[in-house]
Protein backbone atom coordinates (compact mmCIF):
# COMPACT_ATOMS: atom_id res chain seq x y z
CA MET A 1 0.06 -0.05 0.01
CA GLN A 2 1.43 3.30 -0.96
CA ASP A 3 1.86 6.08 1.48
CA THR A 4 -0.13 9.12 0.40
CA ALA A 5 -0.26 10.91 3.61
CA PRO A 6 1.04 14.56 3.29
CA ARG A 7 4.22 15.22 4.82
CA ARG A 8 4.22 18.67 6.59
CA VAL A 9 7.49 20.57 6.31
CA VAL A 10 7.75 23.77 8.34
CA ILE A 11 10.79 26.02 7.60
CA MET A 12 11.48 28.88 10.07
CA LEU A 13 11.71 32.43 8.89
CA PHE A 14 13.32 35.47 10.68
CA ASP A 15 15.05 38.60 9.71
CA GLY A 16 18.58 38.06 8.39
CA VAL A 17 18.04 34.46 7.57
CA ASP A 18 20.12 33.09 4.67
CA LEU A 19 17.88 33.22 1.41
CA LEU A 20 19.13 29.84 -0.11
CA ASP A 21 18.52 28.05 3.23
CA VAL A 22 14.85 28.93 2.99
CA THR A 23 14.20 28.71 -0.80
CA GLY A 24 16.47 25.67 -1.59
CA PRO A 25 14.68 22.68 0.31
CA PRO A 26 11.20 23.72 -1.08
CA GLU A 27 12.61 23.29 -4.65
CA VAL A 28 13.87 19.82 -3.70
CA PHE A 29 10.73 18.70 -2.14
CA ALA A 30 8.73 19.86 -5.13
CA LEU A 31 10.81 17.81 -7.50
CA ALA A 32 10.24 14.73 -5.43
CA ARG A 33 6.60 15.13 -6.22
CA ARG A 34 7.27 15.20 -10.06
CA GLU A 35 9.66 12.13 -9.69
CA ARG A 36 7.11 9.99 -7.70
CA PRO A 37 3.58 10.78 -8.74
CA GLY A 38 0.93 9.59 -6.19
CA ALA A 39 3.35 9.41 -3.33
CA ALA A 40 3.16 11.38 -0.17
CA ASP A 41 3.17 15.02 -1.02
CA TYR A 42 5.36 17.49 0.74
CA ARG A 43 3.39 20.50 2.07
CA VAL A 44 6.06 23.11 2.68
CA VAL A 45 4.92 26.01 5.06
CA LEU A 46 7.09 29.17 5.85
CA ALA A 47 6.41 30.32 9.50
CA ALA A 48 7.69 33.29 11.43
CA ALA A 49 7.02 35.15 14.43
CA SER A 50 4.32 37.33 12.63
CA LEU A 51 2.76 37.68 9.15
CA ASP A 52 4.85 40.56 8.56
CA PRO A 53 7.39 40.39 5.69
CA VAL A 54 10.93 38.87 6.47
CA THR A 55 14.01 40.46 5.09
CA THR A 56 16.62 37.97 4.30
CA GLY A 57 20.35 38.34 4.48
CA ALA A 58 20.33 38.91 0.80
CA GLY A 59 17.93 41.78 1.16
CA VAL A 60 15.10 39.90 -0.56
CA ARG A 61 11.77 40.18 1.36
CA ILE A 62 9.52 36.84 1.99
CA LEU A 63 6.17 36.62 3.04
CA PRO A 64 5.46 34.14 5.83
CA ASP A 65 2.45 31.69 5.25
CA THR A 66 1.70 31.50 8.93
CA THR A 67 3.09 32.20 12.39
CA PHE A 68 5.20 30.03 14.77
CA GLU A 69 2.06 30.02 17.26
CA SER A 70 -0.19 28.52 14.50
CA VAL A 71 2.14 25.80 13.35
CA ALA A 72 2.69 24.82 17.09
CA GLU A 73 -1.11 23.80 17.20
CA ARG A 74 -0.70 20.61 15.21
CA GLY A 75 2.15 18.13 14.32
CA ILE A 76 4.99 18.70 12.05
CA ASP A 77 6.70 16.05 9.96
CA THR A 78 9.98 17.91 9.46
CA LEU A 79 11.15 21.22 11.08
CA VAL A 80 13.81 23.15 9.13
CA VAL A 81 15.86 25.63 10.85
CA PRO A 82 17.95 27.84 8.85
CA GLY A 83 20.52 30.23 10.21
CA ALA A 84 21.87 33.96 10.01
CA VAL A 85 25.31 35.35 10.36
CA GLU A 86 26.97 38.76 11.17
CA ILE A 87 30.38 39.60 9.89
CA ASP A 88 32.32 42.09 12.21
CA ASP A 89 34.97 44.70 11.28
CA GLU A 90 37.70 42.13 10.87
CA ARG A 91 35.65 40.13 8.40
CA ARG A 92 35.08 37.34 10.99
CA VAL A 93 31.79 35.44 10.67
CA ARG A 94 29.47 34.75 13.64
CA ALA A 95 26.11 32.66 13.75
CA LEU A 96 23.43 34.73 15.21
CA VAL A 97 21.31 33.34 17.87
CA ASP A 98 18.23 35.17 19.12
CA PRO A 99 16.92 33.82 22.40
CA GLU A 100 13.21 34.39 21.22
CA LEU A 101 13.86 32.31 18.29
CA VAL A 102 15.49 29.57 20.26
CA ALA A 103 12.55 29.41 22.40
CA TRP A 104 10.30 28.86 19.36
CA VAL A 105 12.79 26.23 18.12
CA ARG A 106 12.61 24.42 21.27
CA THR A 107 8.59 24.63 21.53
CA LEU A 108 8.30 23.61 17.83
CA ALA A 109 10.61 20.67 18.19
CA GLY A 110 8.34 19.21 20.74
CA ARG A 111 5.79 18.64 18.17
CA THR A 112 8.09 17.59 15.30
CA HIS A 113 8.90 14.18 14.14
CA ARG A 114 12.08 15.15 12.41
CA ILE A 115 14.27 18.26 12.92
CA ALA A 116 16.92 19.47 10.47
CA SER A 117 19.12 22.49 10.56
CA VAL A 118 20.57 24.23 7.60
CA CYS A 119 24.12 25.68 7.70
CA VAL A 120 24.39 27.81 10.90
CA GLY A 121 21.11 26.94 11.92
CA ALA A 122 22.81 24.24 13.97
CA HIS A 123 23.59 27.09 16.48
CA LEU A 124 19.87 27.63 17.17
CA LEU A 125 19.44 23.88 17.75
CA ALA A 126 22.39 23.92 20.15
CA ALA A 127 21.07 26.79 22.02
CA ALA A 128 17.88 24.90 22.42
CA GLY A 129 19.39 21.93 23.96
CA LEU A 130 18.55 19.85 20.96
CA LEU A 131 22.20 18.83 20.25
CA ASP A 132 23.30 17.99 23.66
CA GLY A 133 25.23 14.61 23.52
CA LYS A 134 24.93 14.39 19.75
CA ARG A 135 27.31 14.65 16.67
CA ALA A 136 26.59 17.60 14.40
CA THR A 137 27.95 19.89 11.65
CA THR A 138 27.71 23.53 10.61
CA HIS A 139 29.15 25.75 8.07
CA TRP A 140 32.88 25.42 8.47
CA SER A 141 33.19 29.23 9.22
CA THR A 142 31.31 29.01 12.47
CA ALA A 143 32.56 25.54 13.53
CA ARG A 144 34.87 26.78 16.18
CA GLN A 145 32.04 29.12 17.54
CA LEU A 146 29.89 26.14 18.03
CA THR A 147 32.48 24.06 19.66
CA VAL A 148 33.46 26.84 22.11
CA GLU A 149 29.84 27.99 23.01
CA HIS A 150 28.50 24.38 23.11
CA PRO A 151 31.19 21.74 24.45
CA GLU A 152 28.21 19.44 24.98
CA VAL A 153 27.98 19.04 21.20
CA THR A 154 30.53 16.94 19.13
CA VAL A 155 31.12 19.21 16.26
CA ASP A 156 32.26 17.68 13.17
CA ALA A 157 32.96 20.59 10.51
CA ASP A 158 33.93 18.17 7.67
CA PRO A 159 30.73 16.24 6.65
CA VAL A 160 28.10 17.71 4.29
CA PHE A 161 25.38 16.61 6.80
CA ILE A 162 25.02 14.50 9.91
CA ARG A 163 22.16 12.42 11.22
CA ASP A 164 21.98 11.63 14.84
CA GLY A 165 18.63 10.21 15.72
CA ARG A 166 15.67 12.29 14.76
CA VAL A 167 18.08 15.44 14.33
CA TRP A 168 19.79 16.21 11.14
CA THR A 169 22.42 18.95 10.82
CA GLY A 170 23.74 20.25 7.26
CA ALA A 171 26.85 22.11 6.43
CA GLY A 172 27.46 25.35 4.34
CA ILE A 173 24.63 26.97 2.45
CA SER A 174 24.30 24.98 -0.85
CA ALA A 175 24.42 21.77 1.40
CA CYS A 176 20.77 22.49 2.07
CA LEU A 177 20.22 20.70 -1.23
CA ASP A 178 22.19 17.62 -0.18
CA LEU A 179 20.47 17.58 3.23
CA SER A 180 17.08 17.92 1.48
CA LEU A 181 17.95 14.98 -0.81
CA ALA A 182 18.96 12.91 2.20
CA LEU A 183 15.54 13.53 3.76
CA ILE A 184 13.73 12.58 0.63
CA ALA A 185 16.02 9.29 0.48
CA ASP A 186 14.90 8.63 4.14
CA ASP A 187 11.21 9.07 3.06
CA LEU A 188 11.01 7.85 -0.39
CA GLY A 189 14.10 5.79 -1.10
CA GLU A 190 17.56 6.41 -2.76
CA ALA A 191 16.36 5.91 -6.34
CA VAL A 192 13.93 8.71 -5.91
CA ALA A 193 16.42 11.02 -4.47
CA LEU A 194 18.89 10.33 -7.12
CA ARG A 195 16.32 11.15 -9.91
CA VAL A 196 15.69 14.48 -8.09
CA ALA A 197 19.33 15.11 -7.91
CA ARG A 198 19.52 14.70 -11.83
CA GLN A 199 16.68 17.14 -12.13
CA LEU A 200 18.71 19.71 -9.94
CA VAL A 201 21.68 19.12 -12.31
CA MET A 202 23.89 18.25 -9.35
CA TYR A 203 27.03 16.42 -9.96
CA LEU A 204 25.81 13.63 -7.48
CA LYS A 205 23.78 13.24 -4.42
CA ARG A 206 26.69 13.54 -1.89
CA PRO A 207 27.06 10.98 0.97
CA GLY A 208 26.80 12.66 4.44
CA GLY A 209 30.29 11.71 4.99
CA GLN A 210 31.70 13.61 2.16
CA SER A 211 33.86 16.50 2.99
CA GLN A 212 32.35 20.17 2.57
CA PHE A 213 35.36 20.90 0.56
CA SER A 214 35.20 19.14 -2.97
CA VAL A 215 38.25 18.87 -4.93
CA PRO A 216 37.45 21.83 -7.13
CA LEU A 217 37.12 23.97 -4.17
CA GLU A 218 40.52 22.88 -2.90
CA GLN A 219 42.19 23.65 -6.06
CA VAL A 220 42.48 27.35 -5.73
CA SER A 221 45.97 28.52 -6.62
CA THR A 222 47.59 31.89 -7.25
CA SER A 223 50.67 31.05 -9.25
CA ARG A 224 51.05 29.97 -12.91
CA ARG A 225 53.45 27.23 -11.67
CA MET A 226 50.95 25.76 -9.42
CA GLU A 227 48.37 25.85 -12.15
CA ASP A 228 50.72 23.99 -14.65
CA LEU A 229 51.46 21.39 -12.05
CA ARG A 230 47.77 20.72 -11.11
CA HIS A 231 47.04 20.35 -14.89
CA HIS A 232 50.08 17.98 -15.09
CA VAL A 233 48.49 15.79 -12.29
CA LEU A 234 45.11 15.80 -13.97
CA ARG A 235 46.56 14.84 -17.45
CA HIS A 236 48.69 11.92 -15.89
CA ILE A 237 46.40 10.84 -13.04
CA ASP A 238 46.44 7.12 -14.41
CA ARG A 239 50.29 7.03 -14.04
CA PRO A 240 52.35 6.71 -10.96
CA LEU A 241 53.09 10.18 -9.67
CA THR A 242 55.68 10.81 -7.11
CA VAL A 243 56.93 13.95 -5.29
CA ALA A 244 60.18 13.38 -7.15
CA ASP A 245 58.43 13.31 -10.51
CA LEU A 246 56.52 16.46 -9.82
CA ALA A 247 59.71 18.13 -8.45
CA ALA A 248 61.47 17.15 -11.68
CA TYR A 249 58.71 18.55 -13.89
CA ALA A 250 58.45 21.81 -11.93
CA HIS A 251 62.43 22.14 -11.82
CA VAL A 252 62.37 22.51 -8.06
CA SER A 253 63.60 20.44 -5.10
CA ASP A 254 61.27 17.86 -3.46
CA ARG A 255 61.19 20.06 -0.29
CA HIS A 256 60.37 23.14 -2.31
CA LEU A 257 57.55 21.19 -4.13
CA THR A 258 55.88 20.22 -0.81
CA ARG A 259 56.15 23.84 0.37
CA LEU A 260 54.35 24.98 -2.76
CA PHE A 261 51.50 22.44 -2.29
CA THR A 262 51.09 23.30 1.40
CA THR A 263 51.13 26.92 0.77
CA GLU A 264 48.93 27.22 -2.11
CA LEU A 265 46.41 24.14 -1.72
CA GLY A 266 46.67 23.46 2.09
CA MET A 267 47.95 19.94 1.52
CA THR A 268 50.86 17.74 0.48
CA PRO A 269 51.45 16.61 -3.01
CA ARG A 270 50.67 13.10 -2.04
CA ALA A 271 47.36 13.96 -0.41
CA TYR A 272 46.34 16.19 -3.38
CA ILE A 273 47.12 13.38 -5.92
CA GLU A 274 44.93 11.00 -3.81
CA SER A 275 42.06 13.31 -3.45
CA ILE A 276 41.96 13.89 -7.38
CA ARG A 277 42.16 9.99 -7.81
CA VAL A 278 39.21 9.59 -5.47
CA GLU A 279 37.39 12.11 -7.11
CA LYS A 280 37.79 10.61 -10.67
CA ALA A 281 37.12 6.98 -9.12
CA ARG A 282 33.76 8.28 -7.66
CA HIS A 283 32.65 9.56 -11.16
CA GLU A 284 33.43 6.12 -12.47
CA LEU A 285 31.63 4.41 -9.93
CA GLU A 286 28.48 6.72 -10.40
CA SER A 287 28.40 6.61 -14.25
CA SER A 288 29.95 3.26 -15.39
CA ASP A 289 29.87 -0.59 -14.91
CA ALA A 290 33.69 -0.66 -14.79
CA THR A 291 35.11 -3.24 -12.57
CA LEU A 292 36.95 -1.99 -9.56
CA GLU A 293 40.35 -3.45 -10.94
CA ARG A 294 39.69 -1.24 -14.12
CA ILE A 295 38.91 1.91 -12.07
CA ALA A 296 41.94 1.42 -9.85
CA THR A 297 43.97 1.19 -12.94
CA ALA A 298 42.37 4.16 -14.76
CA CYS A 299 42.76 6.32 -11.75
CA GLY A 300 46.23 5.58 -10.80
CA PHE A 301 45.76 3.50 -7.66
CA GLY A 302 47.40 0.48 -9.19
CA THR A 303 45.37 -2.02 -7.14
CA THR A 304 41.98 -2.44 -5.66
CA ASP A 305 43.51 -2.59 -2.15
CA THR A 306 44.77 0.92 -2.58
CA LEU A 307 41.47 2.23 -3.89
CA VAL A 308 39.64 0.79 -0.97
CA ARG A 309 42.03 2.31 1.49
CA ALA A 310 41.81 5.71 -0.13
CA PHE A 311 38.07 5.54 -0.03
CA HIS A 312 38.07 4.79 3.70
CA ARG A 313 40.59 7.75 4.29
CA ARG A 314 38.54 10.29 2.30
CA LEU A 315 34.81 9.21 2.42
CA ASN A 316 34.77 6.67 5.29
CA THR A 317 33.12 4.09 2.93
CA THR A 318 34.13 1.49 0.46
CA PRO A 319 34.03 1.68 -3.36
CA THR A 320 31.38 -1.04 -3.51
CA GLU A 321 29.03 0.52 -0.91
CA TYR A 322 29.53 3.88 -2.50
CA ARG A 323 28.57 2.65 -5.98
CA ARG A 324 25.44 0.78 -4.42
CA ARG A 325 24.14 3.99 -2.74
CA PHE A 326 25.10 6.70 -5.39
CA ARG A 327 25.17 5.16 -8.84
CA ALA A 328 22.75 6.57 -11.38
CA PRO A 329 20.80 4.18 -13.64
CA LEU A 330 22.62 3.88 -16.82
CA PRO A 331 20.48 4.77 -19.80
CA LEU A 332 18.68 1.92 -21.72
């Protein structure tokens, strides 16, 4: 028997809230309806302290559908708690925590089946006591603040999202899409979530354990020499690449090469090469029927054992499990 009962999703609104945190999840839930007609519909409601327009951090004004007081009168399937930040004169980012908003989070959580924070919304959950004794993530820029202000929370700034019981926490801004996809997978299954991900033109539905920092984000460099080195690695990723090889190519010493990578990319040459290989292997696992042996060879790992160990280090999973969960169906 198919589940057709509407799922009520309440997204909290308040002045200064991050715009994408509010608008991203409804788009994802709406696509789930298209991908699985007849399944339980998602009814998204925007709630605020009053019905007055809310000005987001982007300056865009949004009209709430209802008030916190009204939504508290009935059950909620999923409560989505976004966040807001302020930037001081030294360009430091801090999550904003309004005591009145925290009180409403605590009240609504008591009427909610599942709670999900987006980005720095985790700070509101923590202030409401909902993360006590739990593992949680948030945007990397405020992770230290969350750790210092809430030592009762185990903060892990690396994953895209974390689930601990009925509480889900998501990482930086665009990760609201990954978190919403994970909620859909929890409700309707992985196949539906993957189809929605393709509609969103997302590279992949990222596992929760994946780092907030994808390889493209880590490839920011300022020198022409480092750009040339990165492209050399990409062109020859299927071949053995050692520090000595790269140093010879760049006409520098091994020590100077390591210093270049550490300064420019924040990692050693060996770690960078492995990250590129894992990224390429992930793509192959998602999009092809190639055997692990062939993928290990094509990505420069050499052996499947090396491939498996790299996946454990980078993604905390195995290549086989990764493919099972995140491979898109091949075209007929």
